[in-house]
Amino acid sequence: MPASIDLETLARAKGLAAPVLRAFGLSDRATGGVRVEYLWPPHGGPARARLRLALGGLDGSRWEEGDAPIGAYWRPLVDELVRRRGVLLLCEGESSCWTAWEAGFGAVGLPGADQVDALRAEHLAGAPAVVVIVEPEDPQTYPMGRERYLSDVAARIHALGYRGRVLTLDLGPVAADLNALWRAEPAAFAERLASLIERSPPLPIPDDDLERAVARTRRFFGCVAPDILPGIDEASWLNVSRFVESTGDEKPALHRCAIRRALPAFDDAGAADVRARGADARLDGGARRRAAPPRRDGPLAAAGVGRPDPARRSPARPRLRHRRRPHRRRGGPPLGAGFARR
């Protein structure tokens, strides 16, 4: 494989400035090609670097020799970009990450569709939502197919214990990848990408994870299980399961206030489904039972769930400030004081 490219050539092909790529950890090799520095979150420790020997990353890149661990493509600036945008993009490849970072979006790049295990919990830490970027169907990009790739990513994210929202953005009808979308119109890239993210649907849940989620929540929701009431989508049910695990609430369907105040743990559709189908169906379908109060030592207690609302608190009855004294007749001793016992 000829090593015929340098950083300037790569920057022109991607529509980015060479100093920008240098800031992202790229450098020219003495023997030809470009070295892409990989770092390990959260403190930027060294990871296995990747060598770019051609403009295309699929057939023109390989891992650098060494003992450093292999991880996803990440830079320290990602954490700040995620805090600003409130979303983390999970891409396949490095050029999509360069494009997203230049436009102000936090992104982590998988080194390949068959290397999903390179994603670690540290890459997802602090991200309120993760958007999985999916490119058009291509046997070189997705050797096992796009559906298999999405299934593997969903299983990996769930195995890492991530509790935020997980969405999927299909670039098929729009562009070949994020960098192609950038090159088409750089000035409008950020606005177009933000609009696509807003319309992104939830990532489908692997069948095994869905079965475990339903099994955990059916005993809490009873008659509103998905097989009896199919109006609740799979993503909403996984959100319910995450709510049960993260809060320790034994009967979340009975706590309207707990579900209402725990909206950050749900996507919009999931929260609506839980309130409309979970709490209302359970309470209105049978005898109304008094719900047990939430745990006082869990995350809900810190958020104020279960505490009385000051705006709805009834006025307290006045307390007697003094003990009752025996009645005194005006100008005389208390009643009964002068009576002799016969």
Protein backbone atom coordinates (compact mmCIF):
# COMPACT_ATOMS: atom_id res chain seq x y z
CA MET A 1 0.00 0.00 0.00
CA PRO A 2 1.76 3.21 -1.13
CA ALA A 3 2.21 5.94 1.45
CA SER A 4 1.60 8.89 -0.87
CA ILE A 5 -0.47 11.37 1.14
CA ASP A 6 0.47 14.06 3.61
CA LEU A 7 -1.51 16.21 5.99
CA GLU A 8 -2.01 19.04 3.49
CA THR A 9 -3.43 16.66 0.90
CA LEU A 10 -5.75 15.07 3.44
CA ALA A 11 -6.98 18.48 4.66
CA ARG A 12 -7.83 19.65 1.11
CA ALA A 13 -9.71 16.42 0.39
CA LYS A 14 -11.82 16.79 3.54
CA GLY A 15 -12.50 20.51 3.12
CA LEU A 16 -10.76 21.39 6.38
CA ALA A 17 -7.75 23.55 7.19
CA ALA A 18 -4.44 21.82 7.88
CA PRO A 19 -3.90 23.70 11.20
CA VAL A 20 -7.29 22.41 12.35
CA LEU A 21 -6.26 18.81 11.72
CA ARG A 22 -2.95 19.39 13.49
CA ALA A 23 -4.90 20.63 16.51
CA PHE A 24 -6.88 17.38 16.39
CA GLY A 25 -3.67 15.35 16.79
CA LEU A 26 -2.70 14.66 13.17
CA SER A 27 0.92 14.86 12.02
CA ASP A 28 3.03 13.91 9.00
CA ARG A 29 5.14 10.77 9.19
CA ALA A 30 8.76 10.80 8.10
CA THR A 31 8.16 7.72 5.93
CA GLY A 32 4.97 9.10 4.40
CA GLY A 33 1.34 9.12 5.41
CA VAL A 34 -0.38 10.75 8.38
CA ARG A 35 -0.35 9.67 12.01
CA VAL A 36 -3.66 10.11 13.86
CA GLU A 37 -3.16 10.39 17.61
CA TYR A 38 -5.68 8.56 19.78
CA LEU A 39 -6.19 9.51 23.43
CA TRP A 40 -7.88 7.84 26.35
CA PRO A 41 -10.62 9.64 28.31
CA PRO A 42 -11.03 11.36 30.64
CA HIS A 43 -7.45 12.62 31.18
CA GLY A 44 -6.04 12.16 27.70
CA GLY A 45 -3.76 9.18 28.30
CA PRO A 46 -2.10 7.64 25.23
CA ALA A 47 -4.01 5.03 23.22
CA ARG A 48 -3.00 3.11 20.10
CA ALA A 49 -2.47 5.56 17.23
CA ARG A 50 -3.75 4.97 13.71
CA LEU A 51 -1.87 5.52 10.45
CA ARG A 52 -3.65 7.07 7.47
CA LEU A 53 -1.87 6.06 4.25
CA ALA A 54 -4.61 6.99 1.77
CA LEU A 55 -7.45 9.46 1.48
CA GLY A 56 -10.02 6.76 2.19
CA GLY A 57 -9.90 5.41 5.71
CA LEU A 58 -11.42 2.01 4.92
CA ASP A 59 -8.64 0.74 2.66
CA GLY A 60 -5.90 3.16 3.61
CA SER A 61 -5.45 3.02 7.38
CA ARG A 62 -4.10 0.62 9.96
CA TRP A 63 -3.14 0.54 13.62
CA GLU A 64 0.31 1.62 14.69
CA GLU A 65 2.45 -1.12 16.19
CA GLY A 66 2.77 -1.05 19.97
CA ASP A 67 1.27 -2.16 23.25
CA ALA A 68 -1.04 0.81 23.85
CA PRO A 69 -4.71 -0.14 24.26
CA ILE A 70 -7.09 0.24 21.33
CA GLY A 71 -9.99 2.61 21.90
CA ALA A 72 -12.44 4.82 20.06
CA TYR A 73 -11.31 8.13 18.57
CA TRP A 74 -11.63 10.86 21.22
CA ARG A 75 -10.06 14.20 22.12
CA PRO A 76 -10.29 16.27 25.34
CA LEU A 77 -12.33 18.96 23.57
CA VAL A 78 -15.22 16.49 23.21
CA ASP A 79 -16.40 16.94 26.80
CA GLU A 80 -16.79 20.71 26.44
CA LEU A 81 -18.59 20.38 23.09
CA VAL A 82 -21.00 17.86 24.62
CA ARG A 83 -21.77 20.26 27.47
CA ARG A 84 -22.57 23.02 24.98
CA ARG A 85 -24.76 20.97 22.64
CA GLY A 86 -26.14 18.42 25.08
CA VAL A 87 -25.53 15.56 22.67
CA LEU A 88 -22.70 13.18 21.70
CA LEU A 89 -22.38 11.91 18.13
CA LEU A 90 -21.18 8.33 17.72
CA CYS A 91 -19.58 8.07 14.28
CA GLU A 92 -17.77 5.42 12.26
CA GLY A 93 -14.37 6.73 11.20
CA GLU A 94 -12.15 9.70 11.96
CA SER A 95 -13.07 12.22 9.27
CA SER A 96 -16.64 12.45 10.61
CA CYS A 97 -15.19 13.38 13.99
CA TRP A 98 -12.97 16.09 12.48
CA THR A 99 -16.02 17.54 10.73
CA ALA A 100 -18.22 17.45 13.84
CA TRP A 101 -15.54 19.01 16.06
CA GLU A 102 -14.90 21.83 13.59
CA ALA A 103 -18.66 22.57 13.56
CA GLY A 104 -18.92 22.56 17.37
CA PHE A 105 -20.42 19.09 17.98
CA GLY A 106 -18.95 16.52 20.35
CA ALA A 107 -18.22 13.24 18.61
CA VAL A 108 -16.54 9.89 19.24
CA GLY A 109 -15.40 7.74 16.33
CA LEU A 110 -15.41 3.96 16.15
CA PRO A 111 -12.36 2.67 14.24
CA GLY A 112 -14.64 0.39 12.22
CA ALA A 113 -18.10 -1.15 12.18
CA ASP A 114 -16.60 -4.42 13.40
CA GLN A 115 -14.79 -2.78 16.33
CA VAL A 116 -17.74 -1.69 18.46
CA ASP A 117 -15.97 -2.99 21.56
CA ALA A 118 -13.54 -0.06 21.27
CA LEU A 119 -16.29 2.08 22.80
CA ARG A 120 -15.92 2.36 26.58
CA ALA A 121 -18.03 3.86 29.33
CA GLU A 122 -15.56 6.75 29.66
CA HIS A 123 -16.43 7.86 26.12
CA LEU A 124 -20.12 8.22 27.02
CA ALA A 125 -19.72 9.72 30.50
CA GLY A 126 -21.46 13.07 30.92
CA ALA A 127 -23.47 12.91 27.68
CA PRO A 128 -27.23 13.51 28.18
CA ALA A 129 -27.94 11.92 24.78
CA VAL A 130 -26.06 9.83 22.22
CA VAL A 131 -26.85 9.99 18.50
CA VAL A 132 -25.59 7.04 16.45
CA ILE A 133 -24.69 8.25 12.95
CA VAL A 134 -25.51 5.69 10.24
CA GLU A 135 -24.17 6.10 6.70
CA PRO A 136 -25.70 4.63 3.54
CA GLU A 137 -25.52 0.88 3.10
CA ASP A 138 -22.07 -0.11 1.88
CA PRO A 139 -20.44 -3.55 2.23
CA GLN A 140 -17.05 -1.91 2.80
CA THR A 141 -18.33 0.33 5.60
CA TYR A 142 -20.70 -2.27 7.09
CA PRO A 143 -19.42 -5.78 6.25
CA MET A 144 -22.27 -7.36 8.22
CA GLY A 145 -24.89 -4.81 7.14
CA ARG A 146 -26.28 -1.67 8.73
CA GLU A 147 -28.88 -3.50 10.81
CA ARG A 148 -26.24 -5.71 12.38
CA TYR A 149 -24.11 -2.63 13.09
CA LEU A 150 -26.99 -0.85 14.82
CA SER A 151 -27.79 -3.96 16.84
CA ASP A 152 -24.17 -4.30 17.96
CA VAL A 153 -23.96 -0.62 18.92
CA ALA A 154 -27.23 -0.79 20.86
CA ALA A 155 -26.07 -3.88 22.73
CA ARG A 156 -22.70 -2.30 23.50
CA ILE A 157 -24.20 0.94 24.81
CA HIS A 158 -26.66 -0.96 26.99
CA ALA A 159 -23.89 -3.26 28.28
CA LEU A 160 -21.86 -0.21 29.32
CA GLY A 161 -24.74 0.89 31.57
CA TYR A 162 -25.44 4.16 29.78
CA ARG A 163 -28.66 5.76 31.09
CA GLY A 164 -29.22 8.66 28.71
CA ARG A 165 -31.23 8.92 25.51
CA VAL A 166 -29.96 6.96 22.52
CA LEU A 167 -31.05 8.10 19.05
CA THR A 168 -30.13 7.07 15.52
CA LEU A 169 -29.51 9.45 12.61
CA ASP A 170 -29.69 7.90 9.14
CA LEU A 171 -27.62 9.96 6.67
CA GLY A 172 -28.65 7.77 3.73
CA PRO A 173 -31.17 10.21 2.20
CA VAL A 174 -28.92 13.23 2.88
CA ALA A 175 -25.23 12.50 2.29
CA ALA A 176 -22.59 9.79 2.21
CA ASP A 177 -21.22 10.82 5.62
CA LEU A 178 -20.84 13.88 7.82
CA ASN A 179 -17.83 15.13 5.90
CA ALA A 180 -19.75 14.97 2.60
CA LEU A 181 -22.55 16.97 4.21
CA TRP A 182 -19.95 19.51 5.36
CA ARG A 183 -18.33 19.87 1.95
CA ALA A 184 -21.70 20.44 0.29
CA GLU A 185 -22.35 23.63 2.28
CA PRO A 186 -20.04 24.35 5.25
CA ALA A 187 -21.87 27.51 6.35
CA ALA A 188 -25.19 25.65 6.80
CA PHE A 189 -23.74 22.42 8.18
CA ALA A 190 -24.33 23.09 11.89
CA GLU A 191 -27.94 24.16 11.36
CA ARG A 192 -28.73 21.20 9.10
CA LEU A 193 -27.15 18.72 11.47
CA ALA A 194 -29.00 20.16 14.48
CA SER A 195 -32.27 19.86 12.55
CA LEU A 196 -31.54 16.24 11.65
CA ILE A 197 -30.72 15.42 15.29
CA GLU A 198 -34.03 16.89 16.47
CA ARG A 199 -35.91 14.52 14.15
CA SER A 200 -33.84 11.45 15.01
CA PRO A 201 -35.86 8.47 16.33
CA PRO A 202 -34.79 6.28 19.28
CA LEU A 203 -32.28 3.55 18.58
CA PRO A 204 -34.04 0.17 18.36
CA ILE A 205 -33.45 -2.07 21.36
CA PRO A 206 -31.88 -5.52 20.96
CA ASP A 207 -34.45 -8.27 21.44
CA ASP A 208 -32.65 -9.78 24.44
CA ASP A 209 -32.43 -6.43 26.21
CA LEU A 210 -36.10 -5.72 25.49
CA GLU A 211 -37.18 -9.06 26.97
CA ARG A 212 -35.17 -8.39 30.13
CA ALA A 213 -36.59 -4.86 30.37
CA VAL A 214 -40.17 -6.08 30.02
CA ALA A 215 -39.57 -8.85 32.55
CA ARG A 216 -38.27 -6.32 35.09
CA THR A 217 -41.13 -3.87 34.59
CA ARG A 218 -44.13 -6.16 34.04
CA ARG A 219 -44.45 -6.88 37.75
CA PHE A 220 -44.60 -3.13 38.43
CA PHE A 221 -47.01 -2.24 35.60
CA GLY A 222 -49.13 -5.38 35.43
CA CYS A 223 -51.89 -4.90 32.88
CA VAL A 224 -49.98 -2.39 30.74
CA ALA A 225 -47.27 -4.79 29.56
CA PRO A 226 -46.37 -4.29 25.85
CA ASP A 227 -47.89 -7.61 24.79
CA ILE A 228 -51.28 -6.54 26.22
CA LEU A 229 -51.07 -2.83 25.41
CA PRO A 230 -48.81 -2.52 22.32
CA GLY A 231 -49.15 1.27 22.14
CA ILE A 232 -45.99 1.68 24.20
CA ASP A 233 -42.95 1.54 21.95
CA GLU A 234 -39.86 -0.45 22.83
CA ALA A 235 -37.69 2.59 23.54
CA SER A 236 -40.19 3.84 26.09
CA TRP A 237 -40.18 0.49 27.88
CA LEU A 238 -36.42 0.49 28.15
CA ASN A 239 -36.65 3.98 29.62
CA VAL A 240 -39.11 2.67 32.19
CA SER A 241 -36.67 -0.08 33.07
CA ARG A 242 -33.85 2.44 33.43
CA PHE A 243 -36.08 4.55 35.69
CA VAL A 244 -36.74 1.57 37.93
CA GLU A 245 -33.05 0.70 38.16
CA SER A 246 -31.74 4.23 38.68
CA THR A 247 -34.28 5.39 41.27
CA GLY A 248 -34.90 2.22 43.23
CA ASP A 249 -38.60 3.13 43.19
CA GLU A 250 -40.56 -0.06 43.77
CA LYS A 251 -43.83 1.16 42.24
CA PRO A 252 -43.03 3.86 39.69
CA ALA A 253 -46.41 3.52 37.98
CA LEU A 254 -48.13 4.70 41.16
CA HIS A 255 -46.00 7.78 41.71
CA ARG A 256 -47.28 10.49 39.41
CA CYS A 257 -45.04 13.11 41.00
CA ALA A 258 -41.96 10.87 40.76
CA ILE A 259 -42.46 10.21 37.06
CA ARG A 260 -43.28 13.86 36.38
CA ARG A 261 -40.13 15.09 38.10
CA ALA A 262 -37.92 12.41 36.57
CA LEU A 263 -38.38 13.63 32.99
CA PRO A 264 -34.61 13.89 32.31
CA ALA A 265 -34.43 10.10 32.63
CA PHE A 266 -36.93 9.67 29.77
CA ASP A 267 -37.28 10.79 26.22
CA ASP A 268 -40.40 12.86 25.49
CA ALA A 269 -42.34 9.94 24.05
CA GLY A 270 -41.31 7.65 26.89
CA ALA A 271 -42.41 10.11 29.57
CA ALA A 272 -45.79 10.62 27.90
CA ASP A 273 -46.31 6.88 27.58
CA VAL A 274 -45.47 6.24 31.20
CA ARG A 275 -47.79 8.95 32.50
CA ALA A 276 -50.69 8.20 30.17
CA ARG A 277 -50.53 4.42 30.04
CA GLY A 278 -48.67 3.48 33.18
CA ALA A 279 -49.97 5.61 36.02
CA ASP A 280 -53.46 6.34 34.70
CA ALA A 281 -54.24 2.81 33.52
CA ARG A 282 -53.06 1.28 36.78
CA LEU A 283 -54.83 3.75 39.07
CA ASP A 284 -58.07 4.07 37.10
CA GLY A 285 -58.37 0.40 36.18
CA GLY A 286 -58.89 -0.93 39.69
CA ALA A 287 -59.15 0.01 43.32
CA ARG A 288 -57.20 3.17 44.13
CA ARG A 289 -54.50 2.31 46.55
CA ARG A 290 -52.35 4.66 48.46
CA ALA A 291 -48.85 4.59 46.96
CA ALA A 292 -45.92 3.93 49.22
CA PRO A 293 -43.60 6.94 49.50
CA PRO A 294 -40.39 6.87 47.43
CA ARG A 295 -37.12 5.87 49.01
CA ARG A 296 -35.60 8.66 51.05
CA ASP A 297 -32.00 7.67 50.31
CA GLY A 298 -32.11 7.50 46.51
CA PRO A 299 -31.71 10.03 43.70
CA LEU A 300 -35.37 11.05 43.95
CA ALA A 301 -34.88 12.24 47.51
CA ALA A 302 -32.12 14.58 46.41
CA ALA A 303 -34.40 15.92 43.66
CA GLY A 304 -37.19 16.63 46.16
CA VAL A 305 -39.52 13.88 44.98
CA GLY A 306 -41.91 12.79 47.65
CA ARG A 307 -41.64 15.97 49.69
CA PRO A 308 -44.81 18.00 50.20
CA ASP A 309 -45.31 20.83 47.76
CA PRO A 310 -45.32 24.16 49.68
CA ALA A 311 -47.81 25.61 47.22
CA ARG A 312 -50.33 22.84 47.99
CA ARG A 313 -49.69 22.49 51.68
CA SER A 314 -52.78 23.09 53.78
CA PRO A 315 -52.45 25.68 56.56
CA ALA A 316 -51.28 24.15 59.79
CA ARG A 317 -53.63 24.17 62.77
CA PRO A 318 -52.52 26.63 65.44
CA ARG A 319 -50.90 25.03 68.43
CA LEU A 320 -51.82 25.83 72.01
CA ARG A 321 -48.95 27.81 73.40
CA HIS A 322 -49.92 27.33 77.08
CA ARG A 323 -51.30 24.55 79.15
CA ARG A 324 -54.91 24.92 80.15
CA ARG A 325 -55.31 26.30 83.62
CA PRO A 326 -58.25 25.64 85.96
CA HIS A 327 -61.07 28.15 85.64
CA ARG A 328 -61.07 30.92 88.27
CA ARG A 329 -64.11 32.80 89.39
CA ARG A 330 -63.69 36.48 89.31
CA GLY A 331 -62.35 37.56 92.69
CA GLY A 332 -62.18 34.07 94.20
CA PRO A 333 -60.28 30.79 94.26
CA PRO A 334 -60.68 28.16 91.52
CA LEU A 335 -63.85 26.18 91.44
CA GLY A 336 -63.73 23.22 93.77
CA ALA A 337 -60.94 24.71 95.90
CA GLY A 338 -63.27 25.48 98.86
CA PHE A 339 -65.32 22.31 98.87
CA ALA A 340 -64.59 19.92 101.69
CA ARG A 341 -64.69 16.25 101.04
CA ARG A 342 -67.50 14.59 102.95
